[in-house]
Amino acid sequence: MTLLKPHVSRLVVCDPRKNALLKQGSKSDRIDARKLAELLRTHQLKPVYHGEHGLRTLKELGGSYLTITQDVTRVMNRIKALYRSWAIPCSGTTV
């Protein structure tokens, strides 16, 4: 968004699926652009609220934490399976 602001007088971020005019009719980039321009001209675009930058960062960090946790669990399970195949006892969270 910050890249576009110097080049436009007004920037509206919207979800095209939330605007009724875009749900009907043929679909192509040219047609959708024309419909968006018409909605903007008539002040019918429904803007999407973008919260503070910190909230987006928090969501990204939460997603990264979940991914890393799943990766660690997957690796631990593979190591334990390898140990069990060699008849090495292992249990719990320590490997």
PDB file of N, CA and C in Angstrom:
ATOM      1  N   MET A   1       0.812  -1.184   0.000  1.00  0.00           N
ATOM      2  CA  MET A   1       0.000   0.000   0.000  1.00  0.00           C
ATOM      3  C   MET A   1       0.861   1.255   0.000  1.00  0.00           C
ATOM      4  N   THR A   2       1.942   1.230   0.737  1.00  0.00           N
ATOM      5  CA  THR A   2       2.767   2.430   0.822  1.00  0.00           C
ATOM      6  C   THR A   2       3.418   2.754  -0.521  1.00  0.00           C
ATOM      7  N   LEU A   3       3.560   1.769  -1.400  1.00  0.00           N
ATOM      8  CA  LEU A   3       4.119   2.033  -2.723  1.00  0.00           C
ATOM      9  C   LEU A   3       3.136   2.797  -3.604  1.00  0.00           C
ATOM     10  N   LEU A   4       1.847   2.591  -3.383  1.00  0.00           N
ATOM     11  CA  LEU A   4       0.837   3.217  -4.228  1.00  0.00           C
ATOM     12  C   LEU A   4       0.420   4.603  -3.765  1.00  0.00           C
ATOM     13  N   LYS A   5       0.489   4.866  -2.474  1.00  0.00           N
ATOM     14  CA  LYS A   5      -0.029   6.127  -1.929  1.00  0.00           C
ATOM     15  C   LYS A   5       0.526   7.379  -2.599  1.00  0.00           C
ATOM     16  N   PRO A   6       1.820   7.451  -2.941  1.00  0.00           N
ATOM     17  CA  PRO A   6       2.314   8.668  -3.597  1.00  0.00           C
ATOM     18  C   PRO A   6       1.711   8.903  -4.986  1.00  0.00           C
ATOM     19  N   HIS A   7       1.147   7.870  -5.600  1.00  0.00           N
ATOM     20  CA  HIS A   7       0.676   7.968  -6.979  1.00  0.00           C
ATOM     21  C   HIS A   7      -0.837   8.140  -7.109  1.00  0.00           C
ATOM     22  N   VAL A   8      -1.563   8.081  -6.000  1.00  0.00           N
ATOM     23  CA  VAL A   8      -3.027   8.183  -6.062  1.00  0.00           C
ATOM     24  C   VAL A   8      -3.526   9.186  -5.033  1.00  0.00           C
ATOM     25  N   SER A   9      -4.723   9.712  -5.276  1.00  0.00           N
ATOM     26  CA  SER A   9      -5.296  10.658  -4.311  1.00  0.00           C
ATOM     27  C   SER A   9      -6.038   9.930  -3.197  1.00  0.00           C
ATOM     28  N   ARG A  10      -6.557   8.750  -3.503  1.00  0.00           N
ATOM     29  CA  ARG A  10      -7.302   7.977  -2.500  1.00  0.00           C
ATOM     30  C   ARG A  10      -7.061   6.499  -2.757  1.00  0.00           C
ATOM     31  N   LEU A  11      -6.768   5.756  -1.707  1.00  0.00           N
ATOM     32  CA  LEU A  11      -6.506   4.331  -1.828  1.00  0.00           C
ATOM     33  C   LEU A  11      -7.547   3.581  -1.018  1.00  0.00           C
ATOM     34  N   VAL A  12      -8.284   2.691  -1.681  1.00  0.00           N
ATOM     35  CA  VAL A  12      -9.321   1.905  -1.014  1.00  0.00           C
ATOM     36  C   VAL A  12      -8.954   0.439  -1.157  1.00  0.00           C
ATOM     37  N   VAL A  13      -8.745  -0.240  -0.046  1.00  0.00           N
ATOM     38  CA  VAL A  13      -8.473  -1.672  -0.057  1.00  0.00           C
ATOM     39  C   VAL A  13      -9.800  -2.370   0.163  1.00  0.00           C
ATOM     40  N   CYS A  14     -10.155  -3.257  -0.760  1.00  0.00           N
ATOM     41  CA  CYS A  14     -11.454  -3.917  -0.634  1.00  0.00           C
ATOM     42  C   CYS A  14     -11.338  -5.379  -1.034  1.00  0.00           C
ATOM     43  N   ASP A  15     -12.336  -6.144  -0.619  1.00  0.00           N
ATOM     44  CA  ASP A  15     -12.461  -7.542  -1.006  1.00  0.00           C
ATOM     45  C   ASP A  15     -13.467  -7.578  -2.147  1.00  0.00           C
ATOM     46  N   PRO A  16     -13.037  -7.870  -3.370  1.00  0.00           N
ATOM     47  CA  PRO A  16     -13.954  -7.811  -4.502  1.00  0.00           C
ATOM     48  C   PRO A  16     -15.154  -8.739  -4.354  1.00  0.00           C
ATOM     49  N   ARG A  17     -15.002  -9.809  -3.596  1.00  0.00           N
ATOM     50  CA  ARG A  17     -16.125 -10.739  -3.417  1.00  0.00           C
ATOM     51  C   ARG A  17     -17.229 -10.137  -2.567  1.00  0.00           C
ATOM     52  N   LYS A  18     -16.929  -9.074  -1.814  1.00  0.00           N
ATOM     53  CA  LYS A  18     -17.924  -8.431  -0.955  1.00  0.00           C
ATOM     54  C   LYS A  18     -18.736  -7.377  -1.697  1.00  0.00           C
ATOM     55  N   ASN A  19     -18.392  -7.095  -2.923  1.00  0.00           N
ATOM     56  CA  ASN A  19     -19.096  -6.083  -3.702  1.00  0.00           C
ATOM     57  C   ASN A  19     -20.024  -6.780  -4.695  1.00  0.00           C
ATOM     58  N   ALA A  20     -21.322  -6.520  -4.574  1.00  0.00           N
ATOM     59  CA  ALA A  20     -22.352  -7.253  -5.303  1.00  0.00           C
ATOM     60  C   ALA A  20     -22.165  -7.200  -6.818  1.00  0.00           C
ATOM     61  N   LEU A  21     -21.744  -6.069  -7.348  1.00  0.00           N
ATOM     62  CA  LEU A  21     -21.618  -5.931  -8.795  1.00  0.00           C
ATOM     63  C   LEU A  21     -20.591  -6.906  -9.369  1.00  0.00           C
ATOM     64  N   LEU A  22     -19.601  -7.274  -8.583  1.00  0.00           N
ATOM     65  CA  LEU A  22     -18.547  -8.164  -9.078  1.00  0.00           C
ATOM     66  C   LEU A  22     -18.946  -9.632  -9.035  1.00  0.00           C
ATOM     67  N   LYS A  23     -20.001  -9.971  -8.327  1.00  0.00           N
ATOM     68  CA  LYS A  23     -20.409 -11.371  -8.194  1.00  0.00           C
ATOM     69  C   LYS A  23     -21.126 -11.879  -9.436  1.00  0.00           C
ATOM     70  N   GLN A  24     -21.673 -10.989 -10.233  1.00  0.00           N
ATOM     71  CA  GLN A  24     -22.487 -11.405 -11.366  1.00  0.00           C
ATOM     72  C   GLN A  24     -21.775 -11.135 -12.680  1.00  0.00           C
ATOM     73  N   GLY A  25     -22.174 -11.852 -13.715  1.00  0.00           N
ATOM     74  CA  GLY A  25     -21.667 -11.597 -15.052  1.00  0.00           C
ATOM     75  C   GLY A  25     -20.354 -12.285 -15.364  1.00  0.00           C
ATOM     76  N   SER A  26     -19.815 -11.919 -16.520  1.00  0.00           N
ATOM     77  CA  SER A  26     -18.571 -12.514 -17.008  1.00  0.00           C
ATOM     78  C   SER A  26     -17.395 -12.093 -16.136  1.00  0.00           C
ATOM     79  N   LYS A  27     -16.365 -12.912 -16.167  1.00  0.00           N
ATOM     80  CA  LYS A  27     -15.177 -12.634 -15.361  1.00  0.00           C
ATOM     81  C   LYS A  27     -13.951 -12.533 -16.260  1.00  0.00           C
ATOM     82  N   SER A  28     -13.271 -11.415 -16.156  1.00  0.00           N
ATOM     83  CA  SER A  28     -11.956 -11.228 -16.770  1.00  0.00           C
ATOM     84  C   SER A  28     -11.337 -10.028 -16.077  1.00  0.00           C
ATOM     85  N   ASP A  29     -10.039  -9.864 -16.209  1.00  0.00           N
ATOM     86  CA  ASP A  29      -9.370  -8.736 -15.555  1.00  0.00           C
ATOM     87  C   ASP A  29      -9.914  -7.402 -16.061  1.00  0.00           C
ATOM     88  N   ARG A  30     -10.150  -7.307 -17.353  1.00  0.00           N
ATOM     89  CA  ARG A  30     -10.637  -6.055 -17.939  1.00  0.00           C
ATOM     90  C   ARG A  30     -12.050  -5.737 -17.436  1.00  0.00           C
ATOM     91  N   ILE A  31     -12.922  -6.741 -17.415  1.00  0.00           N
ATOM     92  CA  ILE A  31     -14.303  -6.529 -16.958  1.00  0.00           C
ATOM     93  C   ILE A  31     -14.322  -6.202 -15.469  1.00  0.00           C
ATOM     94  N   ASP A  32     -13.555  -6.957 -14.680  1.00  0.00           N
ATOM     95  CA  ASP A  32     -13.509  -6.694 -13.234  1.00  0.00           C
ATOM     96  C   ASP A  32     -12.953  -5.304 -12.940  1.00  0.00           C
ATOM     97  N   ALA A  33     -11.938  -4.881 -13.688  1.00  0.00           N
ATOM     98  CA  ALA A  33     -11.364  -3.543 -13.484  1.00  0.00           C
ATOM     99  C   ALA A  33     -12.395  -2.464 -13.796  1.00  0.00           C
ATOM    100  N   ARG A  34     -13.160  -2.663 -14.856  1.00  0.00           N
ATOM    101  CA  ARG A  34     -14.200  -1.687 -15.213  1.00  0.00           C
ATOM    102  C   ARG A  34     -15.273  -1.623 -14.127  1.00  0.00           C
ATOM    103  N   LYS A  35     -15.668  -2.798 -13.610  1.00  0.00           N
ATOM    104  CA  LYS A  35     -16.685  -2.834 -12.551  1.00  0.00           C
ATOM    105  C   LYS A  35     -16.167  -2.182 -11.269  1.00  0.00           C
ATOM    106  N   LEU A  36     -14.901  -2.442 -10.934  1.00  0.00           N
ATOM    107  CA  LEU A  36     -14.312  -1.804  -9.751  1.00  0.00           C
ATOM    108  C   LEU A  36     -14.256  -0.288  -9.922  1.00  0.00           C
ATOM    109  N   ALA A  37     -13.890   0.160 -11.111  1.00  0.00           N
ATOM    110  CA  ALA A  37     -13.836   1.604 -11.372  1.00  0.00           C
ATOM    111  C   ALA A  37     -15.224   2.228 -11.226  1.00  0.00           C
ATOM    112  N   GLU A  38     -16.249   1.528 -11.697  1.00  0.00           N
ATOM    113  CA  GLU A  38     -17.622   2.035 -11.574  1.00  0.00           C
ATOM    114  C   GLU A  38     -18.041   2.114 -10.107  1.00  0.00           C
ATOM    115  N   LEU A  39     -17.723   1.086  -9.334  1.00  0.00           N
ATOM    116  CA  LEU A  39     -18.047   1.100  -7.902  1.00  0.00           C
ATOM    117  C   LEU A  39     -17.307   2.229  -7.188  1.00  0.00           C
ATOM    118  N   LEU A  40     -16.054   2.452  -7.548  1.00  0.00           N
ATOM    119  CA  LEU A  40     -15.276   3.525  -6.930  1.00  0.00           C
ATOM    120  C   LEU A  40     -15.859   4.894  -7.291  1.00  0.00           C
ATOM    121  N   ARG A  41     -16.239   5.069  -8.542  1.00  0.00           N
ATOM    122  CA  ARG A  41     -16.796   6.340  -9.006  1.00  0.00           C
ATOM    123  C   ARG A  41     -18.096   6.686  -8.284  1.00  0.00           C
ATOM    124  N   THR A  42     -18.905   5.669  -8.001  1.00  0.00           N
ATOM    125  CA  THR A  42     -20.205   5.897  -7.347  1.00  0.00           C
ATOM    126  C   THR A  42     -20.129   5.736  -5.830  1.00  0.00           C
ATOM    127  N   HIS A  43     -18.920   5.633  -5.288  1.00  0.00           N
ATOM    128  CA  HIS A  43     -18.693   5.496  -3.837  1.00  0.00           C
ATOM    129  C   HIS A  43     -19.425   4.290  -3.253  1.00  0.00           C
ATOM    130  N   GLN A  44     -19.420   3.175  -3.984  1.00  0.00           N
ATOM    131  CA  GLN A  44     -20.090   1.965  -3.521  1.00  0.00           C
ATOM    132  C   GLN A  44     -19.115   0.867  -3.112  1.00  0.00           C
ATOM    133  N   LEU A  45     -17.827   1.137  -3.178  1.00  0.00           N
ATOM    134  CA  LEU A  45     -16.850   0.138  -2.739  1.00  0.00           C
ATOM    135  C   LEU A  45     -16.914   0.000  -1.233  1.00  0.00           C
ATOM    136  N   LYS A  46     -16.896  -1.231  -0.754  1.00  0.00           N
ATOM    137  CA  LYS A  46     -16.908  -1.481   0.683  1.00  0.00           C
ATOM    138  C   LYS A  46     -15.471  -1.749   1.121  1.00  0.00           C
ATOM    139  N   PRO A  47     -14.845  -0.795   1.802  1.00  0.00           N
ATOM    140  CA  PRO A  47     -13.436  -0.978   2.185  1.00  0.00           C
ATOM    141  C   PRO A  47     -13.275  -2.053   3.255  1.00  0.00           C
ATOM    142  N   VAL A  48     -12.118  -2.674   3.243  1.00  0.00           N
ATOM    143  CA  VAL A  48     -11.756  -3.681   4.241  1.00  0.00           C
ATOM    144  C   VAL A  48     -10.943  -2.984   5.317  1.00  0.00           C
ATOM    145  N   TYR A  49     -11.248  -3.271   6.567  1.00  0.00           N
ATOM    146  CA  TYR A  49     -10.499  -2.657   7.660  1.00  0.00           C
ATOM    147  C   TYR A  49      -9.181  -3.396   7.837  1.00  0.00           C
ATOM    148  N   HIS A  50      -8.103  -2.646   7.816  1.00  0.00           N
ATOM    149  CA  HIS A  50      -6.784  -3.205   8.103  1.00  0.00           C
ATOM    150  C   HIS A  50      -6.325  -2.605   9.415  1.00  0.00           C
ATOM    151  N   GLY A  51      -6.194  -3.450  10.413  1.00  0.00           N
ATOM    152  CA  GLY A  51      -5.788  -2.984  11.729  1.00  0.00           C
ATOM    153  C   GLY A  51      -4.355  -2.492  11.745  1.00  0.00           C
ATOM    154  N   GLU A  52      -3.887  -2.267  12.926  1.00  0.00           N
ATOM    155  CA  GLU A  52      -2.525  -1.776  13.093  1.00  0.00           C
ATOM    156  C   GLU A  52      -1.523  -2.801  12.583  1.00  0.00           C
ATOM    157  N   HIS A  53      -0.354  -2.318  12.257  1.00  0.00           N
ATOM    158  CA  HIS A  53       0.705  -3.179  11.734  1.00  0.00           C
ATOM    159  C   HIS A  53       1.078  -4.261  12.747  1.00  0.00           C
ATOM    160  N   GLY A  54       0.986  -3.943  14.030  1.00  0.00           N
ATOM    161  CA  GLY A  54       1.356  -4.897  15.075  1.00  0.00           C
ATOM    162  C   GLY A  54       0.489  -6.139  15.070  1.00  0.00           C
ATOM    163  N   LEU A  55      -0.791  -5.993  14.727  1.00  0.00           N
ATOM    164  CA  LEU A  55      -1.693  -7.139  14.697  1.00  0.00           C
ATOM    165  C   LEU A  55      -1.301  -8.099  13.582  1.00  0.00           C
ATOM    166  N   ARG A  56      -0.929  -7.557  12.432  1.00  0.00           N
ATOM    167  CA  ARG A  56      -0.500  -8.410  11.323  1.00  0.00           C
ATOM    168  C   ARG A  56       0.772  -9.168  11.698  1.00  0.00           C
ATOM    169  N   THR A  57       1.695  -8.472  12.349  1.00  0.00           N
ATOM    170  CA  THR A  57       2.936  -9.107  12.785  1.00  0.00           C
ATOM    171  C   THR A  57       2.648 -10.215  13.782  1.00  0.00           C
ATOM    172  N   LEU A  58       1.726  -9.957  14.701  1.00  0.00           N
ATOM    173  CA  LEU A  58       1.360 -10.970  15.688  1.00  0.00           C
ATOM    174  C   LEU A  58       0.775 -12.204  15.014  1.00  0.00           C
ATOM    175  N   LYS A  59      -0.079 -12.023  14.008  1.00  0.00           N
ATOM    176  CA  LYS A  59      -0.657 -13.157  13.283  1.00  0.00           C
ATOM    177  C   LYS A  59       0.431 -13.950  12.562  1.00  0.00           C
ATOM    178  N   GLU A  60       1.371 -13.242  11.942  1.00  0.00           N
ATOM    179  CA  GLU A  60       2.464 -13.915  11.242  1.00  0.00           C
ATOM    180  C   GLU A  60       3.326 -14.709  12.214  1.00  0.00           C
ATOM    181  N   LEU A  61       3.619 -14.119  13.371  1.00  0.00           N
ATOM    182  CA  LEU A  61       4.426 -14.816  14.372  1.00  0.00           C
ATOM    183  C   LEU A  61       3.689 -16.035  14.912  1.00  0.00           C
ATOM    184  N   GLY A  62       2.389 -15.898  15.130  1.00  0.00           N
ATOM    185  CA  GLY A  62       1.595 -17.034  15.603  1.00  0.00           C
ATOM    186  C   GLY A  62       1.594 -18.165  14.595  1.00  0.00           C
ATOM    187  N   GLY A  63       1.456 -17.828  13.323  1.00  0.00           N
ATOM    188  CA  GLY A  63       1.497 -18.847  12.273  1.00  0.00           C
ATOM    189  C   GLY A  63       2.857 -19.508  12.180  1.00  0.00           C
ATOM    190  N   SER A  64       3.918 -18.715  12.315  1.00  0.00           N
ATOM    191  CA  SER A  64       5.276 -19.273  12.281  1.00  0.00           C
ATOM    192  C   SER A  64       5.510 -20.205  13.457  1.00  0.00           C
ATOM    193  N   TYR A  65       5.020 -19.813  14.637  1.00  0.00           N
ATOM    194  CA  TYR A  65       5.170 -20.661  15.822  1.00  0.00           C
ATOM    195  C   TYR A  65       4.472 -21.999  15.599  1.00  0.00           C
ATOM    196  N   LEU A  66       3.267 -21.964  15.051  1.00  0.00           N
ATOM    197  CA  LEU A  66       2.523 -23.193  14.801  1.00  0.00           C
ATOM    198  C   LEU A  66       3.267 -24.084  13.815  1.00  0.00           C
ATOM    199  N   THR A  67       3.793 -23.499  12.746  1.00  0.00           N
ATOM    200  CA  THR A  67       4.535 -24.265  11.746  1.00  0.00           C
ATOM    201  C   THR A  67       5.784 -24.893  12.345  1.00  0.00           C
ATOM    202  N   ILE A  68       6.533 -24.125  13.125  1.00  0.00           N
ATOM    203  CA  ILE A  68       7.758 -24.646  13.741  1.00  0.00           C
ATOM    204  C   ILE A  68       7.429 -25.760  14.723  1.00  0.00           C
ATOM    205  N   THR A  69       6.366 -25.589  15.511  1.00  0.00           N
ATOM    206  CA  THR A  69       5.954 -26.619  16.467  1.00  0.00           C
ATOM    207  C   THR A  69       5.604 -27.909  15.740  1.00  0.00           C
ATOM    208  N   GLN A  70       4.875 -27.806  14.638  1.00  0.00           N
ATOM    209  CA  GLN A  70       4.515 -28.995  13.865  1.00  0.00           C
ATOM    210  C   GLN A  70       5.753 -29.652  13.261  1.00  0.00           C
ATOM    211  N   ASP A  71       6.700 -28.841  12.789  1.00  0.00           N
ATOM    212  CA  ASP A  71       7.941 -29.381  12.227  1.00  0.00           C
ATOM    213  C   ASP A  71       8.740 -30.131  13.286  1.00  0.00           C
ATOM    214  N   VAL A  72       8.854 -29.561  14.481  1.00  0.00           N
ATOM    215  CA  VAL A  72       9.596 -30.208  15.567  1.00  0.00           C
ATOM    216  C   VAL A  72       8.930 -31.529  15.934  1.00  0.00           C
ATOM    217  N   THR A  73       7.604 -31.535  16.028  1.00  0.00           N
ATOM    218  CA  THR A  73       6.875 -32.764  16.354  1.00  0.00           C
ATOM    219  C   THR A  73       7.117 -33.827  15.288  1.00  0.00           C
ATOM    220  N   ARG A  74       7.075 -33.428  14.017  1.00  0.00           N
ATOM    221  CA  ARG A  74       7.295 -34.372  12.927  1.00  0.00           C
ATOM    222  C   ARG A  74       8.695 -34.983  13.004  1.00  0.00           C
ATOM    223  N   VAL A  75       9.708 -34.159  13.260  1.00  0.00           N
ATOM    224  CA  VAL A  75      11.089 -34.652  13.345  1.00  0.00           C
ATOM    225  C   VAL A  75      11.256 -35.577  14.545  1.00  0.00           C
ATOM    226  N   MET A  76      10.675 -35.190  15.688  1.00  0.00           N
ATOM    227  CA  MET A  76      10.761 -36.047  16.886  1.00  0.00           C
ATOM    228  C   MET A  76      10.127 -37.411  16.613  1.00  0.00           C
ATOM    229  N   ASN A  77       8.982 -37.424  15.949  1.00  0.00           N
ATOM    230  CA  ASN A  77       8.324 -38.697  15.647  1.00  0.00           C
ATOM    231  C   ASN A  77       9.158 -39.552  14.705  1.00  0.00           C
ATOM    232  N   ARG A  78       9.826 -38.922  13.737  1.00  0.00           N
ATOM    233  CA  ARG A  78      10.677 -39.685  12.822  1.00  0.00           C
ATOM    234  C   ARG A  78      11.885 -40.269  13.551  1.00  0.00           C
ATOM    235  N   ILE A  79      12.484 -39.477  14.445  1.00  0.00           N
ATOM    236  CA  ILE A  79      13.639 -39.969  15.208  1.00  0.00           C
ATOM    237  C   ILE A  79      13.222 -41.128  16.105  1.00  0.00           C
ATOM    238  N   LYS A  80      12.077 -40.983  16.780  1.00  0.00           N
ATOM    239  CA  LYS A  80      11.597 -42.057  17.654  1.00  0.00           C
ATOM    240  C   LYS A  80      11.288 -43.318  16.858  1.00  0.00           C
ATOM    241  N   ALA A  81      10.724 -43.168  15.674  1.00  0.00           N
ATOM    242  CA  ALA A  81      10.441 -44.331  14.833  1.00  0.00           C
ATOM    243  C   ALA A  81      11.738 -45.023  14.433  1.00  0.00           C
ATOM    244  N   LEU A  82      12.762 -44.236  14.140  1.00  0.00           N
ATOM    245  CA  LEU A  82      14.060 -44.807  13.794  1.00  0.00           C
ATOM    246  C   LEU A  82      14.648 -45.559  14.984  1.00  0.00           C
ATOM    247  N   TYR A  83      14.591 -44.967  16.187  1.00  0.00           N
ATOM    248  CA  TYR A  83      15.078 -45.633  17.398  1.00  0.00           C
ATOM    249  C   TYR A  83      14.329 -46.938  17.633  1.00  0.00           C
ATOM    250  N   ARG A  84      13.013 -46.897  17.490  1.00  0.00           N
ATOM    251  CA  ARG A  84      12.223 -48.113  17.722  1.00  0.00           C
ATOM    252  C   ARG A  84      12.579 -49.195  16.707  1.00  0.00           C
ATOM    253  N   SER A  85      12.892 -48.795  15.466  1.00  0.00           N
ATOM    254  CA  SER A  85      13.262 -49.799  14.457  1.00  0.00           C
ATOM    255  C   SER A  85      14.583 -50.471  14.810  1.00  0.00           C
ATOM    256  N   TRP A  86      15.413 -49.796  15.599  1.00  0.00           N
ATOM    257  CA  TRP A  86      16.669 -50.371  16.076  1.00  0.00           C
ATOM    258  C   TRP A  86      16.518 -50.971  17.464  1.00  0.00           C
ATOM    259  N   ALA A  87      15.290 -51.059  17.954  1.00  0.00           N
ATOM    260  CA  ALA A  87      14.963 -51.615  19.276  1.00  0.00           C
ATOM    261  C   ALA A  87      15.575 -50.796  20.411  1.00  0.00           C
ATOM    262  N   ILE A  88      15.699 -49.506  20.225  1.00  0.00           N
ATOM    263  CA  ILE A  88      16.178 -48.606  21.274  1.00  0.00           C
ATOM    264  C   ILE A  88      14.947 -48.001  21.935  1.00  0.00           C
ATOM    265  N   PRO A  89      14.782 -48.219  23.239  1.00  0.00           N
ATOM    266  CA  PRO A  89      13.587 -47.687  23.894  1.00  0.00           C
ATOM    267  C   PRO A  89      13.626 -46.155  23.969  1.00  0.00           C
ATOM    268  N   CYS A  90      12.499 -45.547  23.695  1.00  0.00           N
ATOM    269  CA  CYS A  90      12.385 -44.094  23.818  1.00  0.00           C
ATOM    270  C   CYS A  90      10.927 -43.750  24.095  1.00  0.00           C
ATOM    271  N   SER A  91      10.740 -42.777  24.965  1.00  0.00           N
ATOM    272  CA  SER A  91       9.382 -42.325  25.270  1.00  0.00           C
ATOM    273  C   SER A  91       9.456 -40.900  25.794  1.00  0.00           C
ATOM    274  N   GLY A  92       8.335 -40.231  25.820  1.00  0.00           N
ATOM    275  CA  GLY A  92       8.299 -38.866  26.328  1.00  0.00           C
ATOM    276  C   GLY A  92       8.782 -37.860  25.303  1.00  0.00           C
ATOM    277  N   THR A  93       9.150 -36.691  25.810  1.00  0.00           N
ATOM    278  CA  THR A  93       9.543 -35.606  24.911  1.00  0.00           C
ATOM    279  C   THR A  93      11.044 -35.514  24.700  1.00  0.00           C
ATOM    280  N   THR A  94      11.817 -36.306  25.439  1.00  0.00           N
ATOM    281  CA  THR A  94      13.271 -36.274  25.259  1.00  0.00           C
ATOM    282  C   THR A  94      13.694 -37.411  24.351  1.00  0.00           C
ATOM    283  N   VAL A  95      14.561 -37.097  23.432  1.00  0.00           N
ATOM    284  CA  VAL A  95      15.051 -38.122  22.506  1.00  0.00           C
ATOM    285  C   VAL A  95      16.550 -38.158  22.608  1.00  0.00           C
TER     286      VAL A  95
END
